[in-house]
Amino acid sequence: MPVSRQIESAYDEFLKIEDEVQFNCPVLITYGEYDKTGYVKKYCHNWAKKTGYPLKEISNASHNANYDNYEEFNELLISFVQSL
């Protein structure tokens, strides 16, 4: 089976899971502007819309956004923590 079919199969099964995790702490959702890993952007947007958790896009970053653009990520994180 080609890798793309394997990934697609895994995502198809993942979407069937209906369990919801409840966090007993503040949540900030982030993703990289250029993240092309699976459906990361889509899932982040859906999760934020469903939960009301804040969502921030890290510019000039890919999947590992907190490493790719750590300065922007750290600023967002510090601002988020200070707002609590």
PDB file of N, CA and C in Angstrom:
ATOM      1  N   MET A   1       0.856  -1.172   0.000  1.00  0.00           N
ATOM      2  CA  MET A   1       0.000   0.000   0.000  1.00  0.00           C
ATOM      3  C   MET A   1       0.902   1.236   0.000  1.00  0.00           C
ATOM      4  N   PRO A   2       0.670   2.189  -0.906  1.00  0.00           N
ATOM      5  CA  PRO A   2       1.480   3.418  -0.927  1.00  0.00           C
ATOM      6  C   PRO A   2       1.335   4.198   0.381  1.00  0.00           C
ATOM      7  N   VAL A   3       2.375   4.930   0.731  1.00  0.00           N
ATOM      8  CA  VAL A   3       2.387   5.699   1.984  1.00  0.00           C
ATOM      9  C   VAL A   3       1.188   6.640   2.057  1.00  0.00           C
ATOM     10  N   SER A   4       0.856   7.316   0.956  1.00  0.00           N
ATOM     11  CA  SER A   4      -0.264   8.262   0.980  1.00  0.00           C
ATOM     12  C   SER A   4      -1.573   7.562   1.339  1.00  0.00           C
ATOM     13  N   ARG A   5      -1.757   6.338   0.876  1.00  0.00           N
ATOM     14  CA  ARG A   5      -2.976   5.575   1.221  1.00  0.00           C
ATOM     15  C   ARG A   5      -2.954   5.178   2.692  1.00  0.00           C
ATOM     16  N   GLN A   6      -1.766   4.859   3.212  1.00  0.00           N
ATOM     17  CA  GLN A   6      -1.650   4.497   4.619  1.00  0.00           C
ATOM     18  C   GLN A   6      -2.019   5.690   5.494  1.00  0.00           C
ATOM     19  N   ILE A   7      -1.514   6.856   5.142  1.00  0.00           N
ATOM     20  CA  ILE A   7      -1.810   8.064   5.910  1.00  0.00           C
ATOM     21  C   ILE A   7      -3.295   8.382   5.828  1.00  0.00           C
ATOM     22  N   GLU A   8      -3.849   8.287   4.633  1.00  0.00           N
ATOM     23  CA  GLU A   8      -5.270   8.553   4.445  1.00  0.00           C
ATOM     24  C   GLU A   8      -6.112   7.598   5.301  1.00  0.00           C
ATOM     25  N   SER A   9      -5.736   6.337   5.336  1.00  0.00           N
ATOM     26  CA  SER A   9      -6.457   5.349   6.143  1.00  0.00           C
ATOM     27  C   SER A   9      -6.398   5.703   7.621  1.00  0.00           C
ATOM     28  N   ALA A  10      -5.223   6.108   8.073  1.00  0.00           N
ATOM     29  CA  ALA A  10      -5.066   6.486   9.484  1.00  0.00           C
ATOM     30  C   ALA A  10      -5.936   7.692   9.826  1.00  0.00           C
ATOM     31  N   TYR A  11      -5.933   8.702   8.960  1.00  0.00           N
ATOM     32  CA  TYR A  11      -6.761   9.887   9.204  1.00  0.00           C
ATOM     33  C   TYR A  11      -8.241   9.546   9.171  1.00  0.00           C
ATOM     34  N   ASP A  12      -8.650   8.684   8.243  1.00  0.00           N
ATOM     35  CA  ASP A  12     -10.052   8.281   8.173  1.00  0.00           C
ATOM     36  C   ASP A  12     -10.498   7.646   9.483  1.00  0.00           C
ATOM     37  N   GLU A  13      -9.659   6.788  10.048  1.00  0.00           N
ATOM     38  CA  GLU A  13      -9.989   6.149  11.324  1.00  0.00           C
ATOM     39  C   GLU A  13      -9.964   7.159  12.466  1.00  0.00           C
ATOM     40  N   PHE A  14      -9.004   8.054  12.429  1.00  0.00           N
ATOM     41  CA  PHE A  14      -8.876   9.081  13.469  1.00  0.00           C
ATOM     42  C   PHE A  14     -10.142   9.927  13.545  1.00  0.00           C
ATOM     43  N   LEU A  15     -10.722  10.253  12.399  1.00  0.00           N
ATOM     44  CA  LEU A  15     -11.917  11.100  12.365  1.00  0.00           C
ATOM     45  C   LEU A  15     -13.140  10.410  12.943  1.00  0.00           C
ATOM     46  N   LYS A  16     -13.115   9.104  13.071  1.00  0.00           N
ATOM     47  CA  LYS A  16     -14.246   8.362  13.621  1.00  0.00           C
ATOM     48  C   LYS A  16     -14.287   8.417  15.146  1.00  0.00           C
ATOM     49  N   ILE A  17     -13.191   8.793  15.764  1.00  0.00           N
ATOM     50  CA  ILE A  17     -13.120   8.846  17.224  1.00  0.00           C
ATOM     51  C   ILE A  17     -13.946  10.026  17.713  1.00  0.00           C
ATOM     52  N   GLU A  18     -14.857   9.750  18.623  1.00  0.00           N
ATOM     53  CA  GLU A  18     -15.728  10.808  19.119  1.00  0.00           C
ATOM     54  C   GLU A  18     -15.430  11.193  20.565  1.00  0.00           C
ATOM     55  N   ASP A  19     -14.418  10.587  21.164  1.00  0.00           N
ATOM     56  CA  ASP A  19     -14.048  10.931  22.530  1.00  0.00           C
ATOM     57  C   ASP A  19     -13.569  12.376  22.572  1.00  0.00           C
ATOM     58  N   GLU A  20     -13.936  13.073  23.607  1.00  0.00           N
ATOM     59  CA  GLU A  20     -13.471  14.450  23.770  1.00  0.00           C
ATOM     60  C   GLU A  20     -12.650  14.540  25.040  1.00  0.00           C
ATOM     61  N   VAL A  21     -11.531  15.207  24.937  1.00  0.00           N
ATOM     62  CA  VAL A  21     -10.678  15.432  26.093  1.00  0.00           C
ATOM     63  C   VAL A  21     -11.051  16.774  26.692  1.00  0.00           C
ATOM     64  N   GLN A  22     -11.249  16.792  27.984  1.00  0.00           N
ATOM     65  CA  GLN A  22     -11.547  18.033  28.685  1.00  0.00           C
ATOM     66  C   GLN A  22     -10.279  18.474  29.420  1.00  0.00           C
ATOM     67  N   PHE A  23      -9.820  19.668  29.117  1.00  0.00           N
ATOM     68  CA  PHE A  23      -8.637  20.196  29.774  1.00  0.00           C
ATOM     69  C   PHE A  23      -9.054  21.045  30.956  1.00  0.00           C
ATOM     70  N   ASN A  24      -8.386  20.842  32.060  1.00  0.00           N
ATOM     71  CA  ASN A  24      -8.658  21.604  33.267  1.00  0.00           C
ATOM     72  C   ASN A  24      -7.604  22.699  33.421  1.00  0.00           C
ATOM     73  N   CYS A  25      -7.296  23.344  32.300  1.00  0.00           N
ATOM     74  CA  CYS A  25      -6.292  24.398  32.272  1.00  0.00           C
ATOM     75  C   CYS A  25      -6.534  25.232  31.019  1.00  0.00           C
ATOM     76  N   PRO A  26      -5.977  26.422  30.959  1.00  0.00           N
ATOM     77  CA  PRO A  26      -6.125  27.238  29.750  1.00  0.00           C
ATOM     78  C   PRO A  26      -5.446  26.574  28.552  1.00  0.00           C
ATOM     79  N   VAL A  27      -5.998  26.797  27.362  1.00  0.00           N
ATOM     80  CA  VAL A  27      -5.472  26.200  26.137  1.00  0.00           C
ATOM     81  C   VAL A  27      -5.270  27.276  25.084  1.00  0.00           C
ATOM     82  N   LEU A  28      -4.127  27.242  24.444  1.00  0.00           N
ATOM     83  CA  LEU A  28      -3.832  28.101  23.301  1.00  0.00           C
ATOM     84  C   LEU A  28      -3.460  27.183  22.145  1.00  0.00           C
ATOM     85  N   ILE A  29      -4.196  27.271  21.053  1.00  0.00           N
ATOM     86  CA  ILE A  29      -3.932  26.435  19.885  1.00  0.00           C
ATOM     87  C   ILE A  29      -3.080  27.235  18.903  1.00  0.00           C
ATOM     88  N   THR A  30      -1.988  26.641  18.450  1.00  0.00           N
ATOM     89  CA  THR A  30      -1.125  27.304  17.466  1.00  0.00           C
ATOM     90  C   THR A  30      -0.781  26.332  16.350  1.00  0.00           C
ATOM     91  N   TYR A  31      -0.450  26.897  15.205  1.00  0.00           N
ATOM     92  CA  TYR A  31       0.048  26.113  14.078  1.00  0.00           C
ATOM     93  C   TYR A  31       0.885  27.025  13.201  1.00  0.00           C
ATOM     94  N   GLY A  32       1.732  26.423  12.382  1.00  0.00           N
ATOM     95  CA  GLY A  32       2.604  27.190  11.502  1.00  0.00           C
ATOM     96  C   GLY A  32       1.919  27.581  10.205  1.00  0.00           C
ATOM     97  N   GLU A  33       2.216  28.774   9.749  1.00  0.00           N
ATOM     98  CA  GLU A  33       1.652  29.310   8.508  1.00  0.00           C
ATOM     99  C   GLU A  33       1.835  28.347   7.334  1.00  0.00           C
ATOM    100  N   TYR A  34       2.965  27.681   7.265  1.00  0.00           N
ATOM    101  CA  TYR A  34       3.277  26.798   6.141  1.00  0.00           C
ATOM    102  C   TYR A  34       3.164  25.315   6.501  1.00  0.00           C
ATOM    103  N   ASP A  35       2.435  25.007   7.560  1.00  0.00           N
ATOM    104  CA  ASP A  35       2.280  23.604   7.974  1.00  0.00           C
ATOM    105  C   ASP A  35       1.464  22.857   6.927  1.00  0.00           C
ATOM    106  N   LYS A  36       2.056  21.847   6.347  1.00  0.00           N
ATOM    107  CA  LYS A  36       1.384  21.034   5.341  1.00  0.00           C
ATOM    108  C   LYS A  36       1.275  19.576   5.801  1.00  0.00           C
ATOM    109  N   THR A  37       1.408  19.362   7.106  1.00  0.00           N
ATOM    110  CA  THR A  37       1.331  18.022   7.663  1.00  0.00           C
ATOM    111  C   THR A  37      -0.135  17.622   7.823  1.00  0.00           C
ATOM    112  N   GLY A  38      -0.547  16.668   7.026  1.00  0.00           N
ATOM    113  CA  GLY A  38      -1.913  16.163   7.137  1.00  0.00           C
ATOM    114  C   GLY A  38      -2.947  17.270   7.115  1.00  0.00           C
ATOM    115  N   TYR A  39      -3.829  17.210   8.086  1.00  0.00           N
ATOM    116  CA  TYR A  39      -4.918  18.187   8.199  1.00  0.00           C
ATOM    117  C   TYR A  39      -4.745  19.077   9.429  1.00  0.00           C
ATOM    118  N   VAL A  40      -3.510  19.342   9.810  1.00  0.00           N
ATOM    119  CA  VAL A  40      -3.233  20.082  11.044  1.00  0.00           C
ATOM    120  C   VAL A  40      -3.991  21.412  11.078  1.00  0.00           C
ATOM    121  N   LYS A  41      -3.881  22.212  10.037  1.00  0.00           N
ATOM    122  CA  LYS A  41      -4.563  23.518  10.032  1.00  0.00           C
ATOM    123  C   LYS A  41      -6.069  23.343  10.175  1.00  0.00           C
ATOM    124  N   LYS A  42      -6.618  22.434   9.400  1.00  0.00           N
ATOM    125  CA  LYS A  42      -8.064  22.189   9.429  1.00  0.00           C
ATOM    126  C   LYS A  42      -8.506  21.765  10.829  1.00  0.00           C
ATOM    127  N   TYR A  43      -7.776  20.817  11.425  1.00  0.00           N
ATOM    128  CA  TYR A  43      -8.135  20.344  12.759  1.00  0.00           C
ATOM    129  C   TYR A  43      -8.013  21.446  13.799  1.00  0.00           C
ATOM    130  N   CYS A  44      -6.984  22.273  13.687  1.00  0.00           N
ATOM    131  CA  CYS A  44      -6.806  23.377  14.638  1.00  0.00           C
ATOM    132  C   CYS A  44      -7.975  24.354  14.548  1.00  0.00           C
ATOM    133  N   HIS A  45      -8.362  24.704  13.328  1.00  0.00           N
ATOM    134  CA  HIS A  45      -9.481  25.621  13.151  1.00  0.00           C
ATOM    135  C   HIS A  45     -10.789  25.008  13.667  1.00  0.00           C
ATOM    136  N   ASN A  46     -11.017  23.741  13.366  1.00  0.00           N
ATOM    137  CA  ASN A  46     -12.232  23.073  13.842  1.00  0.00           C
ATOM    138  C   ASN A  46     -12.268  22.989  15.360  1.00  0.00           C
ATOM    139  N   TRP A  47     -11.131  22.684  15.961  1.00  0.00           N
ATOM    140  CA  TRP A  47     -11.053  22.553  17.418  1.00  0.00           C
ATOM    141  C   TRP A  47     -11.316  23.906  18.073  1.00  0.00           C
ATOM    142  N   ALA A  48     -10.720  24.959  17.539  1.00  0.00           N
ATOM    143  CA  ALA A  48     -10.921  26.298  18.103  1.00  0.00           C
ATOM    144  C   ALA A  48     -12.378  26.722  17.967  1.00  0.00           C
ATOM    145  N   LYS A  49     -12.959  26.443  16.822  1.00  0.00           N
ATOM    146  CA  LYS A  49     -14.362  26.817  16.586  1.00  0.00           C
ATOM    147  C   LYS A  49     -15.290  26.067  17.547  1.00  0.00           C
ATOM    148  N   LYS A  50     -15.004  24.794  17.746  1.00  0.00           N
ATOM    149  CA  LYS A  50     -15.851  23.949  18.593  1.00  0.00           C
ATOM    150  C   LYS A  50     -15.724  24.299  20.075  1.00  0.00           C
ATOM    151  N   THR A  51     -14.520  24.663  20.503  1.00  0.00           N
ATOM    152  CA  THR A  51     -14.262  24.858  21.936  1.00  0.00           C
ATOM    153  C   THR A  51     -14.199  26.311  22.374  1.00  0.00           C
ATOM    154  N   GLY A  52     -13.929  27.200  21.420  1.00  0.00           N
ATOM    155  CA  GLY A  52     -13.724  28.600  21.796  1.00  0.00           C
ATOM    156  C   GLY A  52     -12.311  28.894  22.255  1.00  0.00           C
ATOM    157  N   TYR A  53     -11.426  27.895  22.205  1.00  0.00           N
ATOM    158  CA  TYR A  53     -10.034  28.137  22.570  1.00  0.00           C
ATOM    159  C   TYR A  53      -9.415  29.105  21.567  1.00  0.00           C
ATOM    160  N   PRO A  54      -8.545  29.994  22.026  1.00  0.00           N
ATOM    161  CA  PRO A  54      -7.887  30.916  21.094  1.00  0.00           C
ATOM    162  C   PRO A  54      -6.976  30.165  20.126  1.00  0.00           C
ATOM    163  N   LEU A  55      -6.928  30.656  18.897  1.00  0.00           N
ATOM    164  CA  LEU A  55      -6.143  30.044  17.834  1.00  0.00           C
ATOM    165  C   LEU A  55      -5.225  31.087  17.237  1.00  0.00           C
ATOM    166  N   LYS A  56      -3.951  30.771  17.132  1.00  0.00           N
ATOM    167  CA  LYS A  56      -2.970  31.702  16.575  1.00  0.00           C
ATOM    168  C   LYS A  56      -2.122  30.994  15.529  1.00  0.00           C
ATOM    169  N   GLU A  57      -1.934  31.659  14.409  1.00  0.00           N
ATOM    170  CA  GLU A  57      -1.052  31.169  13.362  1.00  0.00           C
ATOM    171  C   GLU A  57       0.324  31.791  13.560  1.00  0.00           C
ATOM    172  N   ILE A  58       1.352  30.952  13.517  1.00  0.00           N
ATOM    173  CA  ILE A  58       2.727  31.420  13.653  1.00  0.00           C
ATOM    174  C   ILE A  58       3.258  31.672  12.244  1.00  0.00           C
ATOM    175  N   SER A  59       3.621  32.917  11.950  1.00  0.00           N
ATOM    176  CA  SER A  59       4.102  33.255  10.606  1.00  0.00           C
ATOM    177  C   SER A  59       5.490  32.667  10.351  1.00  0.00           C
ATOM    178  N   ASN A  60       5.782  32.480   9.078  1.00  0.00           N
ATOM    179  CA  ASN A  60       7.098  31.966   8.651  1.00  0.00           C
ATOM    180  C   ASN A  60       7.497  30.698   9.396  1.00  0.00           C
ATOM    181  N   ALA A  61       6.528  29.813   9.610  1.00  0.00           N
ATOM    182  CA  ALA A  61       6.793  28.577  10.333  1.00  0.00           C
ATOM    183  C   ALA A  61       6.049  27.431   9.661  1.00  0.00           C
ATOM    184  N   SER A  62       6.578  26.241   9.865  1.00  0.00           N
ATOM    185  CA  SER A  62       5.948  25.044   9.325  1.00  0.00           C
ATOM    186  C   SER A  62       5.370  24.234  10.479  1.00  0.00           C
ATOM    187  N   HIS A  63       5.494  22.905  10.423  1.00  0.00           N
ATOM    188  CA  HIS A  63       4.858  22.030  11.413  1.00  0.00           C
ATOM    189  C   HIS A  63       5.426  22.219  12.819  1.00  0.00           C
ATOM    190  N   ASN A  64       6.688  22.484  12.917  1.00  0.00           N
ATOM    191  CA  ASN A  64       7.325  22.676  14.218  1.00  0.00           C
ATOM    192  C   ASN A  64       7.434  24.174  14.497  1.00  0.00           C
ATOM    193  N   ALA A  65       6.285  24.831  14.559  1.00  0.00           N
ATOM    194  CA  ALA A  65       6.219  26.294  14.590  1.00  0.00           C
ATOM    195  C   ALA A  65       6.946  26.908  15.784  1.00  0.00           C
ATOM    196  N   ASN A  66       6.883  26.262  16.935  1.00  0.00           N
ATOM    197  CA  ASN A  66       7.547  26.831  18.109  1.00  0.00           C
ATOM    198  C   ASN A  66       9.062  26.794  17.974  1.00  0.00           C
ATOM    199  N   TYR A  67       9.572  26.027  17.039  1.00  0.00           N
ATOM    200  CA  TYR A  67      11.011  25.986  16.744  1.00  0.00           C
ATOM    201  C   TYR A  67      11.331  26.855  15.525  1.00  0.00           C
ATOM    202  N   ASP A  68      10.474  26.760  14.503  1.00  0.00           N
ATOM    203  CA  ASP A  68      10.706  27.495  13.260  1.00  0.00           C
ATOM    204  C   ASP A  68      10.693  29.006  13.458  1.00  0.00           C
ATOM    205  N   ASN A  69       9.786  29.475  14.274  1.00  0.00           N
ATOM    206  CA  ASN A  69       9.709  30.910  14.572  1.00  0.00           C
ATOM    207  C   ASN A  69       9.480  31.063  16.070  1.00  0.00           C
ATOM    208  N   TYR A  70      10.495  30.696  16.827  1.00  0.00           N
ATOM    209  CA  TYR A  70      10.375  30.676  18.282  1.00  0.00           C
ATOM    210  C   TYR A  70      10.137  32.060  18.885  1.00  0.00           C
ATOM    211  N   GLU A  71      10.633  33.107  18.228  1.00  0.00           N
ATOM    212  CA  GLU A  71      10.433  34.448  18.788  1.00  0.00           C
ATOM    213  C   GLU A  71       8.948  34.814  18.788  1.00  0.00           C
ATOM    214  N   GLU A  72       8.284  34.612  17.662  1.00  0.00           N
ATOM    215  CA  GLU A  72       6.848  34.919  17.594  1.00  0.00           C
ATOM    216  C   GLU A  72       6.055  33.992  18.516  1.00  0.00           C
ATOM    217  N   PHE A  73       6.411  32.714  18.511  1.00  0.00           N
ATOM    218  CA  PHE A  73       5.716  31.766  19.378  1.00  0.00           C
ATOM    219  C   PHE A  73       5.860  32.167  20.848  1.00  0.00           C
ATOM    220  N   ASN A  74       7.073  32.487  21.260  1.00  0.00           N
ATOM    221  CA  ASN A  74       7.303  32.865  22.660  1.00  0.00           C
ATOM    222  C   ASN A  74       6.538  34.128  23.034  1.00  0.00           C
ATOM    223  N   GLU A  75       6.488  35.103  22.124  1.00  0.00           N
ATOM    224  CA  GLU A  75       5.717  36.324  22.384  1.00  0.00           C
ATOM    225  C   GLU A  75       4.234  36.000  22.574  1.00  0.00           C
ATOM    226  N   LEU A  76       3.690  35.150  21.698  1.00  0.00           N
ATOM    227  CA  LEU A  76       2.287  34.748  21.819  1.00  0.00           C
ATOM    228  C   LEU A  76       2.032  34.015  23.129  1.00  0.00           C
ATOM    229  N   LEU A  77       2.926  33.111  23.471  1.00  0.00           N
ATOM    230  CA  LEU A  77       2.770  32.336  24.690  1.00  0.00           C
ATOM    231  C   LEU A  77       2.842  33.220  25.933  1.00  0.00           C
ATOM    232  N   ILE A  78       3.805  34.113  25.959  1.00  0.00           N
ATOM    233  CA  ILE A  78       3.925  35.019  27.104  1.00  0.00           C
ATOM    234  C   ILE A  78       2.692  35.900  27.223  1.00  0.00           C
ATOM    235  N   SER A  79       2.211  36.411  26.114  1.00  0.00           N
ATOM    236  CA  SER A  79       1.009  37.237  26.121  1.00  0.00           C
ATOM    237  C   SER A  79      -0.198  36.442  26.607  1.00  0.00           C
ATOM    238  N   PHE A  80      -0.302  35.207  26.141  1.00  0.00           N
ATOM    239  CA  PHE A  80      -1.408  34.331  26.563  1.00  0.00           C
ATOM    240  C   PHE A  80      -1.361  34.088  28.070  1.00  0.00           C
ATOM    241  N   VAL A  81      -0.206  33.749  28.581  1.00  0.00           N
ATOM    242  CA  VAL A  81      -0.065  33.469  30.016  1.00  0.00           C
ATOM    243  C   VAL A  81      -0.346  34.726  30.839  1.00  0.00           C
ATOM    244  N   GLN A  82       0.126  35.855  30.387  1.00  0.00           N
ATOM    245  CA  GLN A  82      -0.096  37.097  31.124  1.00  0.00           C
ATOM    246  C   GLN A  82      -1.581  37.513  31.113  1.00  0.00           C
ATOM    247  N   SER A  83      -2.314  37.045  30.124  1.00  0.00           N
ATOM    248  CA  SER A  83      -3.744  37.413  30.043  1.00  0.00           C
ATOM    249  C   SER A  83      -4.611  36.591  30.989  1.00  0.00           C
ATOM    250  N   LEU A  84      -4.034  35.573  31.603  1.00  0.00           N
ATOM    251  CA  LEU A  84      -4.820  34.683  32.470  1.00  0.00           C
ATOM    252  C   LEU A  84      -5.120  35.281  33.825  1.00  0.00           C
TER     253      LEU A  84
END
